[in-house]
Amino acid sequence: MLGTRIITALIALLLLGAVLFVVPPTVAQLTIALLILAGAWEWSGFLGFTANVGRIGYVALIAALMAFVFFVVPEQSTLILQIACGWWFAAFVWTFFFPTPIPAFMRWICGALVLLPLFVGLLLLYGFNSQLLLFALLIVWAADVGAYFAGKQFGRVKLAPSISPGKTWEGVFGGLVAVVLLTIAWSNYQDWPLAVLLPFCLAVAAVSIVGDLTVSMFKRTAGVKDSGKLFPGHGGVLDRVDSVAAATPLFALGLSWLGLIS
């Protein structure tokens, strides 16, 4: 399983590098949009549809929202990210009360709250600087990889057993250590003040954990282990972007708040 995960990750990194730094911007934007729509298809599996027509309808709804934001009200991108930050705080509180019933209409709304801000945030970061988007992804991946290996080696105390029994507090701390090391390297690379960058990156990493747990709540409600099978050894799109979805709005907004970008 670990070998499969590594091979899949390496292929995904090569494709990501091509999207961020090689292909024309229009192709990159379209690729991001298609990735989000693949996530919408997987989310539609949480909604209890018995026929594909319902799932297609949900994907079409998300696509319409994305198109509306991109073509009609792009100036509202900041507001969408601010709403997303509020949503992820509410999701954090929600994790303390799970298991709780999740009505169907809430699953519809929450899917949009996860996917639409992710689309907006990724496009904003890509449009400003591809390296910034890469850094946001690296923070999430460092937290995830550090948590995986630290949890495997030292994991004892469960983080949220009713949501994700495999996650431990030892894994969380291992992930945060990995983020600290990444942040130190990035601070030296970009000549950004470490005293500002480090707490910011740790906050982004912490929020990414909330994203992972939140999507896991919906998967448990739907009775599925993985959202899909697109990435061998990793699951589906949502399994790979759940943490990114939570981290991206805070990262995109925080860079401006802290004066790291103008």
C-alpha atoms as a PDB file:
ATOM      1  CA  MET A   1       0.000   0.000   0.000  1.00  0.00           C
ATOM      2  CA  LEU A   2       2.784   2.448   0.876  1.00  0.00           C
ATOM      3  CA  GLY A   3       4.513   1.752  -2.442  1.00  0.00           C
ATOM      4  CA  THR A   4       1.293   2.434  -4.336  1.00  0.00           C
ATOM      5  CA  ARG A   5       0.811   5.675  -2.414  1.00  0.00           C
ATOM      6  CA  ILE A   6       4.326   6.821  -3.238  1.00  0.00           C
ATOM      7  CA  ILE A   7       4.046   6.007  -6.952  1.00  0.00           C
ATOM      8  CA  THR A   8       0.682   7.770  -7.196  1.00  0.00           C
ATOM      9  CA  ALA A   9       2.056  10.775  -5.332  1.00  0.00           C
ATOM     10  CA  LEU A  10       5.064  11.053  -7.652  1.00  0.00           C
ATOM     11  CA  ILE A  11       2.881  10.920 -10.760  1.00  0.00           C
ATOM     12  CA  ALA A  12       0.517  13.498  -9.252  1.00  0.00           C
ATOM     13  CA  LEU A  13       3.466  15.786  -8.468  1.00  0.00           C
ATOM     14  CA  LEU A  14       4.687  15.606 -12.061  1.00  0.00           C
ATOM     15  CA  LEU A  15       1.234  16.471 -13.354  1.00  0.00           C
ATOM     16  CA  LEU A  16       0.919  19.285 -10.821  1.00  0.00           C
ATOM     17  CA  GLY A  17       4.251  20.724 -11.890  1.00  0.00           C
ATOM     18  CA  ALA A  18       3.078  20.744 -15.495  1.00  0.00           C
ATOM     19  CA  VAL A  19      -0.185  22.461 -14.580  1.00  0.00           C
ATOM     20  CA  LEU A  20       1.466  25.126 -12.432  1.00  0.00           C
ATOM     21  CA  PHE A  21       4.549  25.924 -14.474  1.00  0.00           C
ATOM     22  CA  VAL A  22       4.285  24.553 -18.028  1.00  0.00           C
ATOM     23  CA  VAL A  23       0.824  24.670 -19.571  1.00  0.00           C
ATOM     24  CA  PRO A  24      -0.888  27.946 -20.565  1.00  0.00           C
ATOM     25  CA  PRO A  25      -2.954  29.669 -17.825  1.00  0.00           C
ATOM     26  CA  THR A  26      -6.252  28.840 -19.534  1.00  0.00           C
ATOM     27  CA  VAL A  27      -5.405  25.143 -19.500  1.00  0.00           C
ATOM     28  CA  ALA A  28      -4.352  25.336 -15.856  1.00  0.00           C
ATOM     29  CA  GLN A  29      -7.592  27.092 -14.884  1.00  0.00           C
ATOM     30  CA  LEU A  30      -9.636  24.526 -16.786  1.00  0.00           C
ATOM     31  CA  THR A  31      -7.743  21.707 -15.070  1.00  0.00           C
ATOM     32  CA  ILE A  32      -8.506  23.196 -11.656  1.00  0.00           C
ATOM     33  CA  ALA A  33     -12.172  23.538 -12.594  1.00  0.00           C
ATOM     34  CA  LEU A  34     -12.368  19.921 -13.773  1.00  0.00           C
ATOM     35  CA  LEU A  35     -10.726  18.746 -10.553  1.00  0.00           C
ATOM     36  CA  ILE A  36     -13.344  20.600  -8.506  1.00  0.00           C
ATOM     37  CA  LEU A  37     -16.139  19.122 -10.619  1.00  0.00           C
ATOM     38  CA  ALA A  38     -14.700  15.639 -10.063  1.00  0.00           C
ATOM     39  CA  GLY A  39     -14.896  16.436  -6.362  1.00  0.00           C
ATOM     40  CA  ALA A  40     -18.509  17.544  -6.844  1.00  0.00           C
ATOM     41  CA  TRP A  41     -19.313  14.185  -8.438  1.00  0.00           C
ATOM     42  CA  GLU A  42     -17.837  12.410  -5.431  1.00  0.00           C
ATOM     43  CA  TRP A  43     -19.701  14.701  -3.023  1.00  0.00           C
ATOM     44  CA  SER A  44     -22.949  13.868  -4.821  1.00  0.00           C
ATOM     45  CA  GLY A  45     -22.399  10.331  -3.564  1.00  0.00           C
ATOM     46  CA  PHE A  46     -23.040  11.670  -0.042  1.00  0.00           C
ATOM     47  CA  LEU A  47     -26.498  12.948  -1.019  1.00  0.00           C
ATOM     48  CA  GLY A  48     -28.314   9.638  -1.241  1.00  0.00           C
ATOM     49  CA  PHE A  49     -29.105   9.665  -4.962  1.00  0.00           C
ATOM     50  CA  THR A  50     -30.180   6.321  -6.379  1.00  0.00           C
ATOM     51  CA  ALA A  51     -29.627   7.348 -10.011  1.00  0.00           C
ATOM     52  CA  ASN A  52     -26.781   9.088 -11.795  1.00  0.00           C
ATOM     53  CA  VAL A  53     -29.110  11.793 -13.077  1.00  0.00           C
ATOM     54  CA  GLY A  54     -29.281  13.256  -9.581  1.00  0.00           C
ATOM     55  CA  ARG A  55     -25.525  13.201  -9.226  1.00  0.00           C
ATOM     56  CA  ILE A  56     -25.095  14.864 -12.604  1.00  0.00           C
ATOM     57  CA  GLY A  57     -27.561  17.517 -11.508  1.00  0.00           C
ATOM     58  CA  TYR A  58     -25.486  18.304  -8.433  1.00  0.00           C
ATOM     59  CA  VAL A  59     -22.306  18.567 -10.511  1.00  0.00           C
ATOM     60  CA  ALA A  60     -24.152  20.916 -12.868  1.00  0.00           C
ATOM     61  CA  LEU A  61     -25.202  23.059  -9.907  1.00  0.00           C
ATOM     62  CA  ILE A  62     -21.623  23.378  -8.662  1.00  0.00           C
ATOM     63  CA  ALA A  63     -20.451  24.116 -12.217  1.00  0.00           C
ATOM     64  CA  ALA A  64     -23.046  26.876 -12.527  1.00  0.00           C
ATOM     65  CA  LEU A  65     -21.915  28.443  -9.244  1.00  0.00           C
ATOM     66  CA  MET A  66     -18.285  28.298 -10.346  1.00  0.00           C
ATOM     67  CA  ALA A  67     -19.109  29.895 -13.698  1.00  0.00           C
ATOM     68  CA  PHE A  68     -21.172  32.612 -12.004  1.00  0.00           C
ATOM     69  CA  VAL A  69     -18.337  33.545  -9.685  1.00  0.00           C
ATOM     70  CA  PHE A  70     -15.662  33.361 -12.385  1.00  0.00           C
ATOM     71  CA  PHE A  71     -17.488  35.250 -15.143  1.00  0.00           C
ATOM     72  CA  VAL A  72     -20.082  37.436 -13.385  1.00  0.00           C
ATOM     73  CA  VAL A  73     -18.906  38.401  -9.908  1.00  0.00           C
ATOM     74  CA  PRO A  74     -15.140  37.797  -9.714  1.00  0.00           C
ATOM     75  CA  GLU A  75     -14.874  40.873  -7.467  1.00  0.00           C
ATOM     76  CA  GLN A  76     -16.704  38.909  -4.756  1.00  0.00           C
ATOM     77  CA  SER A  77     -13.891  36.370  -4.428  1.00  0.00           C
ATOM     78  CA  THR A  78     -12.667  37.822  -1.130  1.00  0.00           C
ATOM     79  CA  LEU A  79     -16.156  37.690   0.345  1.00  0.00           C
ATOM     80  CA  ILE A  80     -16.496  34.035  -0.684  1.00  0.00           C
ATOM     81  CA  LEU A  81     -13.204  33.210   1.038  1.00  0.00           C
ATOM     82  CA  GLN A  82     -14.300  35.078   4.168  1.00  0.00           C
ATOM     83  CA  ILE A  83     -17.550  33.104   4.243  1.00  0.00           C
ATOM     84  CA  ALA A  84     -15.497  29.942   3.825  1.00  0.00           C
ATOM     85  CA  CYS A  85     -13.357  30.804   6.855  1.00  0.00           C
ATOM     86  CA  GLY A  86     -16.555  31.190   8.885  1.00  0.00           C
ATOM     87  CA  TRP A  87     -17.812  27.854   7.569  1.00  0.00           C
ATOM     88  CA  TRP A  88     -14.624  26.033   8.525  1.00  0.00           C
ATOM     89  CA  PHE A  89     -14.778  27.457  12.041  1.00  0.00           C
ATOM     90  CA  ALA A  90     -18.347  26.182  12.307  1.00  0.00           C
ATOM     91  CA  ALA A  91     -17.181  22.817  10.945  1.00  0.00           C
ATOM     92  CA  PHE A  92     -14.487  22.708  13.635  1.00  0.00           C
ATOM     93  CA  VAL A  93     -17.141  23.158  16.320  1.00  0.00           C
ATOM     94  CA  TRP A  94     -19.315  20.563  14.589  1.00  0.00           C
ATOM     95  CA  THR A  95     -16.624  17.895  14.927  1.00  0.00           C
ATOM     96  CA  PHE A  96     -17.040  17.988  18.717  1.00  0.00           C
ATOM     97  CA  PHE A  97     -20.689  16.930  18.427  1.00  0.00           C
ATOM     98  CA  PHE A  98     -20.389  14.191  15.806  1.00  0.00           C
ATOM     99  CA  PRO A  99     -21.997  11.715  15.310  1.00  0.00           C
ATOM    100  CA  THR A 100     -25.035  13.833  14.577  1.00  0.00           C
ATOM    101  CA  PRO A 101     -27.620  13.405  11.815  1.00  0.00           C
ATOM    102  CA  ILE A 102     -26.849  15.473   8.718  1.00  0.00           C
ATOM    103  CA  PRO A 103     -30.052  16.358   6.836  1.00  0.00           C
ATOM    104  CA  ALA A 104     -29.965  16.074   3.050  1.00  0.00           C
ATOM    105  CA  PHE A 105     -30.316  19.829   2.483  1.00  0.00           C
ATOM    106  CA  MET A 106     -27.301  20.438   4.733  1.00  0.00           C
ATOM    107  CA  ARG A 107     -25.242  18.000   2.687  1.00  0.00           C
ATOM    108  CA  TRP A 108     -26.148  19.943  -0.464  1.00  0.00           C
ATOM    109  CA  ILE A 109     -25.156  23.279   1.082  1.00  0.00           C
ATOM    110  CA  CYS A 110     -21.986  22.009   2.728  1.00  0.00           C
ATOM    111  CA  GLY A 111     -20.758  20.589  -0.556  1.00  0.00           C
ATOM    112  CA  ALA A 112     -20.930  24.056  -2.084  1.00  0.00           C
ATOM    113  CA  LEU A 113     -19.229  25.557   0.976  1.00  0.00           C
ATOM    114  CA  VAL A 114     -16.355  23.108   0.547  1.00  0.00           C
ATOM    115  CA  LEU A 115     -15.938  23.166  -3.227  1.00  0.00           C
ATOM    116  CA  LEU A 116     -16.736  26.702  -4.382  1.00  0.00           C
ATOM    117  CA  PRO A 117     -14.258  28.526  -2.084  1.00  0.00           C
ATOM    118  CA  LEU A 118     -11.646  25.928  -2.976  1.00  0.00           C
ATOM    119  CA  PHE A 119     -12.110  26.788  -6.646  1.00  0.00           C
ATOM    120  CA  VAL A 120     -11.916  30.520  -5.921  1.00  0.00           C
ATOM    121  CA  GLY A 121      -8.877  30.225  -3.667  1.00  0.00           C
ATOM    122  CA  LEU A 122      -6.902  28.024  -6.026  1.00  0.00           C
ATOM    123  CA  LEU A 123      -7.525  30.354  -8.958  1.00  0.00           C
ATOM    124  CA  LEU A 124      -6.599  33.427  -6.917  1.00  0.00           C
ATOM    125  CA  LEU A 125      -3.327  31.917  -5.766  1.00  0.00           C
ATOM    126  CA  TYR A 126      -2.507  30.615  -9.224  1.00  0.00           C
ATOM    127  CA  GLY A 127      -3.281  33.993 -10.772  1.00  0.00           C
ATOM    128  CA  PHE A 128      -1.056  35.814  -8.316  1.00  0.00           C
ATOM    129  CA  ASN A 129       1.911  33.459  -8.251  1.00  0.00           C
ATOM    130  CA  SER A 130       2.154  29.746  -8.997  1.00  0.00           C
ATOM    131  CA  GLN A 131       4.816  29.400  -6.316  1.00  0.00           C
ATOM    132  CA  LEU A 132       2.376  30.629  -3.671  1.00  0.00           C
ATOM    133  CA  LEU A 133      -0.153  28.003  -4.709  1.00  0.00           C
ATOM    134  CA  LEU A 134       2.571  25.381  -4.534  1.00  0.00           C
ATOM    135  CA  PHE A 135       3.531  26.583  -1.055  1.00  0.00           C
ATOM    136  CA  ALA A 136      -0.062  26.296   0.146  1.00  0.00           C
ATOM    137  CA  LEU A 137      -0.188  22.726  -1.130  1.00  0.00           C
ATOM    138  CA  LEU A 138       3.186  21.917   0.428  1.00  0.00           C
ATOM    139  CA  ILE A 139       1.965  23.053   3.848  1.00  0.00           C
ATOM    140  CA  VAL A 140      -0.990  20.691   3.652  1.00  0.00           C
ATOM    141  CA  TRP A 141       1.107  17.831   2.308  1.00  0.00           C
ATOM    142  CA  ALA A 142       3.797  18.310   4.948  1.00  0.00           C
ATOM    143  CA  ALA A 143       1.150  18.195   7.668  1.00  0.00           C
ATOM    144  CA  ASP A 144      -0.388  15.093   6.103  1.00  0.00           C
ATOM    145  CA  VAL A 145       2.876  13.202   5.538  1.00  0.00           C
ATOM    146  CA  GLY A 146       4.267  14.133   8.955  1.00  0.00           C
ATOM    147  CA  ALA A 147       1.028  13.021  10.591  1.00  0.00           C
ATOM    148  CA  TYR A 148       1.009   9.739   8.662  1.00  0.00           C
ATOM    149  CA  PHE A 149       4.496   8.647   9.686  1.00  0.00           C
ATOM    150  CA  ALA A 150       4.373  10.029  13.231  1.00  0.00           C
ATOM    151  CA  GLY A 151       0.983   8.422  13.747  1.00  0.00           C
ATOM    152  CA  LYS A 152       2.222   5.082  12.449  1.00  0.00           C
ATOM    153  CA  GLN A 153       5.288   5.177  14.686  1.00  0.00           C
ATOM    154  CA  PHE A 154       4.059   6.843  17.857  1.00  0.00           C
ATOM    155  CA  GLY A 155       0.250   7.087  17.604  1.00  0.00           C
ATOM    156  CA  ARG A 156      -1.563   6.242  20.825  1.00  0.00           C
ATOM    157  CA  VAL A 157      -4.028   8.993  21.759  1.00  0.00           C
ATOM    158  CA  LYS A 158      -6.985   9.189  19.362  1.00  0.00           C
ATOM    159  CA  LEU A 159      -7.744  12.593  17.885  1.00  0.00           C
ATOM    160  CA  ALA A 160     -11.404  12.103  16.905  1.00  0.00           C
ATOM    161  CA  PRO A 161     -12.296   8.412  17.231  1.00  0.00           C
ATOM    162  CA  SER A 162     -15.941   8.885  16.258  1.00  0.00           C
ATOM    163  CA  ILE A 163     -14.905  10.526  12.967  1.00  0.00           C
ATOM    164  CA  SER A 164     -11.527   9.084  11.958  1.00  0.00           C
ATOM    165  CA  PRO A 165     -10.280   6.365  14.322  1.00  0.00           C
ATOM    166  CA  GLY A 166      -6.864   6.179  12.674  1.00  0.00           C
ATOM    167  CA  LYS A 167      -5.873   9.762  13.461  1.00  0.00           C
ATOM    168  CA  THR A 168      -3.934  10.494  16.637  1.00  0.00           C
ATOM    169  CA  TRP A 169      -2.633  13.519  18.517  1.00  0.00           C
ATOM    170  CA  GLU A 170       0.878  12.194  18.032  1.00  0.00           C
ATOM    171  CA  GLY A 171       0.233  12.315  14.303  1.00  0.00           C
ATOM    172  CA  VAL A 172      -0.971  15.917  14.575  1.00  0.00           C
ATOM    173  CA  PHE A 173       2.201  16.970  16.369  1.00  0.00           C
ATOM    174  CA  GLY A 174       4.318  15.100  13.832  1.00  0.00           C
ATOM    175  CA  GLY A 175       2.558  16.940  11.037  1.00  0.00           C
ATOM    176  CA  LEU A 176       3.118  20.303  12.716  1.00  0.00           C
ATOM    177  CA  VAL A 177       6.826  19.543  13.136  1.00  0.00           C
ATOM    178  CA  ALA A 178       7.026  18.839   9.399  1.00  0.00           C
ATOM    179  CA  VAL A 179       5.299  22.167   8.710  1.00  0.00           C
ATOM    180  CA  VAL A 180       7.792  23.984  10.956  1.00  0.00           C
ATOM    181  CA  LEU A 181      10.695  22.559   8.952  1.00  0.00           C
ATOM    182  CA  LEU A 182       9.026  23.466   5.661  1.00  0.00           C
ATOM    183  CA  THR A 183       8.293  26.996   6.876  1.00  0.00           C
ATOM    184  CA  ILE A 184      11.884  27.589   7.950  1.00  0.00           C
ATOM    185  CA  ALA A 185      13.080  26.509   4.500  1.00  0.00           C
ATOM    186  CA  TRP A 186      10.496  28.691   2.733  1.00  0.00           C
ATOM    187  CA  SER A 187      11.286  31.691   4.941  1.00  0.00           C
ATOM    188  CA  ASN A 188      14.937  31.485   3.923  1.00  0.00           C
ATOM    189  CA  TYR A 189      13.996  30.963   0.278  1.00  0.00           C
ATOM    190  CA  GLN A 190      11.627  33.935   0.063  1.00  0.00           C
ATOM    191  CA  ASP A 191      13.294  36.080   2.716  1.00  0.00           C
ATOM    192  CA  TRP A 192      10.009  36.390   4.582  1.00  0.00           C
ATOM    193  CA  PRO A 193      10.072  37.043   8.359  1.00  0.00           C
ATOM    194  CA  LEU A 194       9.923  33.694  10.144  1.00  0.00           C
ATOM    195  CA  ALA A 195       8.258  35.216  13.209  1.00  0.00           C
ATOM    196  CA  VAL A 196       5.266  36.129  11.036  1.00  0.00           C
ATOM    197  CA  LEU A 197       5.295  33.185   8.665  1.00  0.00           C
ATOM    198  CA  LEU A 198       5.606  30.361  11.194  1.00  0.00           C
ATOM    199  CA  PRO A 199       2.440  30.943  13.266  1.00  0.00           C
ATOM    200  CA  PHE A 200       0.537  31.623  10.049  1.00  0.00           C
ATOM    201  CA  CYS A 201       1.631  28.332   8.461  1.00  0.00           C
ATOM    202  CA  LEU A 202       0.881  26.404  11.647  1.00  0.00           C
ATOM    203  CA  ALA A 203      -2.619  27.906  11.662  1.00  0.00           C
ATOM    204  CA  VAL A 204      -3.106  26.882   8.020  1.00  0.00           C
ATOM    205  CA  ALA A 205      -1.914  23.361   8.856  1.00  0.00           C
ATOM    206  CA  ALA A 206      -4.299  23.170  11.826  1.00  0.00           C
ATOM    207  CA  VAL A 207      -7.231  24.246   9.665  1.00  0.00           C
ATOM    208  CA  SER A 208      -6.277  21.615   7.096  1.00  0.00           C
ATOM    209  CA  ILE A 209      -6.891  18.958   9.753  1.00  0.00           C
ATOM    210  CA  VAL A 210     -10.397  20.343  10.229  1.00  0.00           C
ATOM    211  CA  GLY A 211     -10.999  19.887   6.505  1.00  0.00           C
ATOM    212  CA  ASP A 212      -9.933  16.263   6.689  1.00  0.00           C
ATOM    213  CA  LEU A 213     -12.179  15.552   9.676  1.00  0.00           C
ATOM    214  CA  THR A 214     -15.140  17.408   8.206  1.00  0.00           C
ATOM    215  CA  VAL A 215     -15.190  15.466   4.945  1.00  0.00           C
ATOM    216  CA  SER A 216     -14.711  12.293   6.987  1.00  0.00           C
ATOM    217  CA  MET A 217     -17.953  13.146   8.828  1.00  0.00           C
ATOM    218  CA  PHE A 218     -19.826  13.178   5.543  1.00  0.00           C
ATOM    219  CA  LYS A 219     -18.174   9.978   4.387  1.00  0.00           C
ATOM    220  CA  ARG A 220     -19.183   8.251   7.618  1.00  0.00           C
ATOM    221  CA  THR A 221     -22.732   9.546   7.234  1.00  0.00           C
ATOM    222  CA  ALA A 222     -22.807   8.122   3.693  1.00  0.00           C
ATOM    223  CA  GLY A 223     -21.212   4.858   4.865  1.00  0.00           C
ATOM    224  CA  VAL A 224     -18.144   5.025   2.606  1.00  0.00           C
ATOM    225  CA  LYS A 225     -14.444   4.759   3.441  1.00  0.00           C
ATOM    226  CA  ASP A 226     -13.083   6.683   0.447  1.00  0.00           C
ATOM    227  CA  SER A 227     -14.872   9.269  -1.665  1.00  0.00           C
ATOM    228  CA  GLY A 228     -13.589   7.646  -4.870  1.00  0.00           C
ATOM    229  CA  LYS A 229     -10.828   5.615  -6.512  1.00  0.00           C
ATOM    230  CA  LEU A 230      -9.189   8.080  -8.886  1.00  0.00           C
ATOM    231  CA  PHE A 231      -5.846   8.031  -7.053  1.00  0.00           C
ATOM    232  CA  PRO A 232      -4.669   4.469  -6.267  1.00  0.00           C
ATOM    233  CA  GLY A 233      -3.638   4.204  -2.642  1.00  0.00           C
ATOM    234  CA  HIS A 234      -5.091   7.633  -1.870  1.00  0.00           C
ATOM    235  CA  GLY A 235      -8.779   7.352  -2.704  1.00  0.00           C
ATOM    236  CA  GLY A 236     -10.715   9.960  -4.625  1.00  0.00           C
ATOM    237  CA  VAL A 237     -10.410  13.675  -5.289  1.00  0.00           C
ATOM    238  CA  LEU A 238     -12.101  14.642  -2.030  1.00  0.00           C
ATOM    239  CA  ASP A 239      -9.749  12.373  -0.121  1.00  0.00           C
ATOM    240  CA  ARG A 240      -6.861  14.440  -1.540  1.00  0.00           C
ATOM    241  CA  VAL A 241      -8.349  17.941  -1.418  1.00  0.00           C
ATOM    242  CA  ASP A 242     -10.365  17.887   1.817  1.00  0.00           C
ATOM    243  CA  SER A 243      -7.474  19.397   3.777  1.00  0.00           C
ATOM    244  CA  VAL A 244      -6.614  21.764   0.925  1.00  0.00           C
ATOM    245  CA  ALA A 245     -10.220  22.974   0.810  1.00  0.00           C
ATOM    246  CA  ALA A 246     -10.042  24.124   4.422  1.00  0.00           C
ATOM    247  CA  ALA A 247      -6.535  25.549   4.218  1.00  0.00           C
ATOM    248  CA  THR A 248      -6.843  27.500   0.955  1.00  0.00           C
ATOM    249  CA  PRO A 249      -9.269  30.272   2.053  1.00  0.00           C
ATOM    250  CA  LEU A 250      -7.229  31.100   5.162  1.00  0.00           C
ATOM    251  CA  PHE A 251      -3.969  30.943   3.230  1.00  0.00           C
ATOM    252  CA  ALA A 252      -5.221  33.175   0.411  1.00  0.00           C
ATOM    253  CA  LEU A 253      -6.669  35.778   2.778  1.00  0.00           C
ATOM    254  CA  GLY A 254      -3.892  35.570   5.333  1.00  0.00           C
ATOM    255  CA  LEU A 255      -1.127  36.468   2.902  1.00  0.00           C
ATOM    256  CA  SER A 256      -2.718  39.887   2.403  1.00  0.00           C
ATOM    257  CA  TRP A 257      -3.658  40.351   6.054  1.00  0.00           C
ATOM    258  CA  LEU A 258      -0.061  39.772   7.115  1.00  0.00           C
ATOM    259  CA  GLY A 259       1.420  41.952   4.384  1.00  0.00           C
ATOM    260  CA  LEU A 260       3.290  39.060   2.794  1.00  0.00           C
ATOM    261  CA  ILE A 261       1.800  40.024  -0.564  1.00  0.00           C
ATOM    262  CA  SER A 262       0.361  43.301  -1.789  1.00  0.00           C
END
